[in-house]
C-alpha atoms as a PDB file:
ATOM      1  CA  UNK A   1      -0.101   0.160  -0.010  1.00  0.00           C
ATOM      2  CA  UNK A   2       1.441   3.479  -0.872  1.00  0.00           C
ATOM      3  CA  UNK A   3       1.742   6.065   1.759  1.00  0.00           C
ATOM      4  CA  UNK A   4      -0.942   8.359   0.431  1.00  0.00           C
ATOM      5  CA  UNK A   5      -3.403   5.247   0.562  1.00  0.00           C
ATOM      6  CA  UNK A   6      -2.644   4.640   4.119  1.00  0.00           C
ATOM      7  CA  UNK A   7      -3.121   8.248   4.966  1.00  0.00           C
ATOM      8  CA  UNK A   8      -6.507   8.168   3.170  1.00  0.00           C
ATOM      9  CA  UNK A   9      -7.393   5.249   5.161  1.00  0.00           C
ATOM     10  CA  UNK A  10      -6.358   6.810   8.337  1.00  0.00           C
ATOM     11  CA  UNK A  11      -8.440   9.854   7.388  1.00  0.00           C
ATOM     12  CA  UNK A  12     -11.498   7.973   6.593  1.00  0.00           C
ATOM     13  CA  UNK A  13     -11.326   6.032   9.948  1.00  0.00           C
ATOM     14  CA  UNK A  14     -10.531   9.458  11.669  1.00  0.00           C
ATOM     15  CA  UNK A  15     -13.517  10.982   9.776  1.00  0.00           C
ATOM     16  CA  UNK A  16     -15.913   8.047  10.718  1.00  0.00           C
ATOM     17  CA  UNK A  17     -14.925   8.143  14.343  1.00  0.00           C
ATOM     18  CA  UNK A  18     -15.368  11.963  14.475  1.00  0.00           C
ATOM     19  CA  UNK A  19     -18.927  11.693  13.007  1.00  0.00           C
ATOM     20  CA  UNK A  20     -19.876   9.032  15.326  1.00  0.00           C
ATOM     21  CA  UNK A  21     -18.711  10.999  18.429  1.00  0.00           C
ATOM     22  CA  UNK A  22     -20.167  14.225  16.908  1.00  0.00           C
ATOM     23  CA  UNK A  23     -23.754  12.440  16.577  1.00  0.00           C
ATOM     24  CA  UNK A  24     -23.362  10.617  20.077  1.00  0.00           C
ATOM     25  CA  UNK A  25     -22.483  13.537  21.934  1.00  0.00           C
ATOM     26  CA  UNK A  26     -26.000  14.931  21.647  1.00  0.00           C
ATOM     27  CA  UNK A  27     -27.725  11.658  22.614  1.00  0.00           C
ATOM     28  CA  UNK A  28     -27.090  11.903  26.468  1.00  0.00           C
ATOM     29  CA  UNK A  29     -28.922  15.278  26.397  1.00  0.00           C
ATOM     30  CA  UNK A  30     -31.861  13.848  24.822  1.00  0.00           C
ATOM     31  CA  UNK A  31     -31.876  10.734  27.152  1.00  0.00           C
ATOM     32  CA  UNK A  32     -31.765  13.023  30.023  1.00  0.00           C
ATOM     33  CA  UNK A  33     -34.637  15.126  28.917  1.00  0.00           C
ATOM     34  CA  UNK A  34     -36.832  12.142  28.509  1.00  0.00           C
ATOM     35  CA  UNK A  35     -35.798  10.520  31.579  1.00  0.00           C
ATOM     36  CA  UNK A  36     -36.484  13.709  33.744  1.00  0.00           C
ATOM     37  CA  UNK A  37     -39.440  14.948  31.794  1.00  0.00           C
ATOM     38  CA  UNK A  38     -37.587  18.425  32.161  1.00  0.00           C
ATOM     39  CA  UNK A  39     -35.575  20.521  29.730  1.00  0.00           C
ATOM     40  CA  UNK A  40     -35.785  23.895  31.587  1.00  0.00           C
ATOM     41  CA  UNK A  41     -31.904  24.168  31.689  1.00  0.00           C
ATOM     42  CA  UNK A  42     -31.361  23.589  27.922  1.00  0.00           C
ATOM     43  CA  UNK A  43     -30.858  26.308  25.618  1.00  0.00           C
ATOM     44  CA  UNK A  44     -33.261  26.322  22.651  1.00  0.00           C
ATOM     45  CA  UNK A  45     -31.327  29.037  20.873  1.00  0.00           C
ATOM     46  CA  UNK A  46     -28.093  26.744  21.010  1.00  0.00           C
ATOM     47  CA  UNK A  47     -30.033  23.867  19.166  1.00  0.00           C
ATOM     48  CA  UNK A  48     -31.545  26.267  16.637  1.00  0.00           C
ATOM     49  CA  UNK A  49     -27.997  27.375  15.877  1.00  0.00           C
ATOM     50  CA  UNK A  50     -26.812  23.715  15.588  1.00  0.00           C
ATOM     51  CA  UNK A  51     -29.748  22.958  13.329  1.00  0.00           C
ATOM     52  CA  UNK A  52     -28.807  25.989  10.852  1.00  0.00           C
ATOM     53  CA  UNK A  53     -25.280  24.900  11.039  1.00  0.00           C
ATOM     54  CA  UNK A  54     -26.114  21.496   9.933  1.00  0.00           C
ATOM     55  CA  UNK A  55     -28.157  22.815   6.994  1.00  0.00           C
ATOM     56  CA  UNK A  56     -25.224  24.860   5.918  1.00  0.00           C
ATOM     57  CA  UNK A  57     -22.789  21.956   6.389  1.00  0.00           C
ATOM     58  CA  UNK A  58     -25.212  19.752   4.320  1.00  0.00           C
ATOM     59  CA  UNK A  59     -25.336  22.272   1.548  1.00  0.00           C
ATOM     60  CA  UNK A  60     -21.632  22.292   1.612  1.00  0.00           C
ATOM     61  CA  UNK A  61     -21.409  18.581   1.482  1.00  0.00           C
ATOM     62  CA  UNK A  62     -23.799  18.381  -1.236  1.00  0.00           C
ATOM     63  CA  UNK A  63     -22.057  20.894  -3.466  1.00  0.00           C
ATOM     64  CA  UNK A  64     -18.717  18.994  -2.914  1.00  0.00           C
ATOM     65  CA  UNK A  65     -20.373  15.524  -3.249  1.00  0.00           C
ATOM     66  CA  UNK A  66     -19.219  14.467   0.250  1.00  0.00           C
ATOM     67  CA  UNK A  67     -21.852  11.869   1.357  1.00  0.00           C
ATOM     68  CA  UNK A  68     -20.233  11.144   4.496  1.00  0.00           C
ATOM     69  CA  UNK A  69     -20.154  14.804   5.738  1.00  0.00           C
ATOM     70  CA  UNK A  70     -23.947  14.889   4.391  1.00  0.00           C
ATOM     71  CA  UNK A  71     -25.044  12.081   6.413  1.00  0.00           C
ATOM     72  CA  UNK A  72     -23.195  12.924   9.513  1.00  0.00           C
ATOM     73  CA  UNK A  73     -24.818  16.439   9.653  1.00  0.00           C
ATOM     74  CA  UNK A  74     -28.213  14.958   8.660  1.00  0.00           C
ATOM     75  CA  UNK A  75     -27.834  12.821  11.753  1.00  0.00           C
ATOM     76  CA  UNK A  76     -26.980  15.575  14.209  1.00  0.00           C
ATOM     77  CA  UNK A  77     -29.683  17.653  12.654  1.00  0.00           C
ATOM     78  CA  UNK A  78     -32.244  14.874  13.468  1.00  0.00           C
ATOM     79  CA  UNK A  79     -31.010  14.599  16.978  1.00  0.00           C
ATOM     80  CA  UNK A  80     -31.006  18.262  17.400  1.00  0.00           C
ATOM     81  CA  UNK A  81     -34.696  18.694  16.099  1.00  0.00           C
ATOM     82  CA  UNK A  82     -35.663  15.929  18.678  1.00  0.00           C
ATOM     83  CA  UNK A  83     -34.021  18.029  21.517  1.00  0.00           C
ATOM     84  CA  UNK A  84     -35.607  21.106  20.324  1.00  0.00           C
ATOM     85  CA  UNK A  85     -38.976  19.552  20.290  1.00  0.00           C
ATOM     86  CA  UNK A  86     -38.290  18.146  23.731  1.00  0.00           C
ATOM     87  CA  UNK A  87     -37.156  21.588  24.841  1.00  0.00           C
ATOM     88  CA  UNK A  88     -40.470  23.086  23.772  1.00  0.00           C
ATOM     89  CA  UNK A  89     -42.573  20.306  25.169  1.00  0.00           C
ATOM     90  CA  UNK A  90     -40.816  19.900  28.429  1.00  0.00           C
ATOM     91  CA  UNK A  91     -39.143  23.314  28.949  1.00  0.00           C
ATOM     92  CA  UNK A  92     -41.695  25.102  30.944  1.00  0.00           C
ATOM     93  CA  UNK A  93     -40.599  23.388  34.247  1.00  0.00           C
ATOM     94  CA  UNK A  94     -42.715  22.289  36.998  1.00  0.00           C
END
């Protein structure tokens, strides 16, 4: 295997792990909201900003034909929507 092929393989692994960690980073927040049925301390504006950023990244990925980047941001967008909906539903507090 050529050094550049090894480098690309390593980059693919790094990108895959980074994407999984990026998506997974949001899951504990969603779980905690559902578990406590409370989202008073969750910033809705932060998740709206994350959703806008994901849409922009998906556009970038589409233009550059990066399926991996598109799918990663689509998954983050989906989790962010769930958290935003949970924030609206459970954000009022007791």
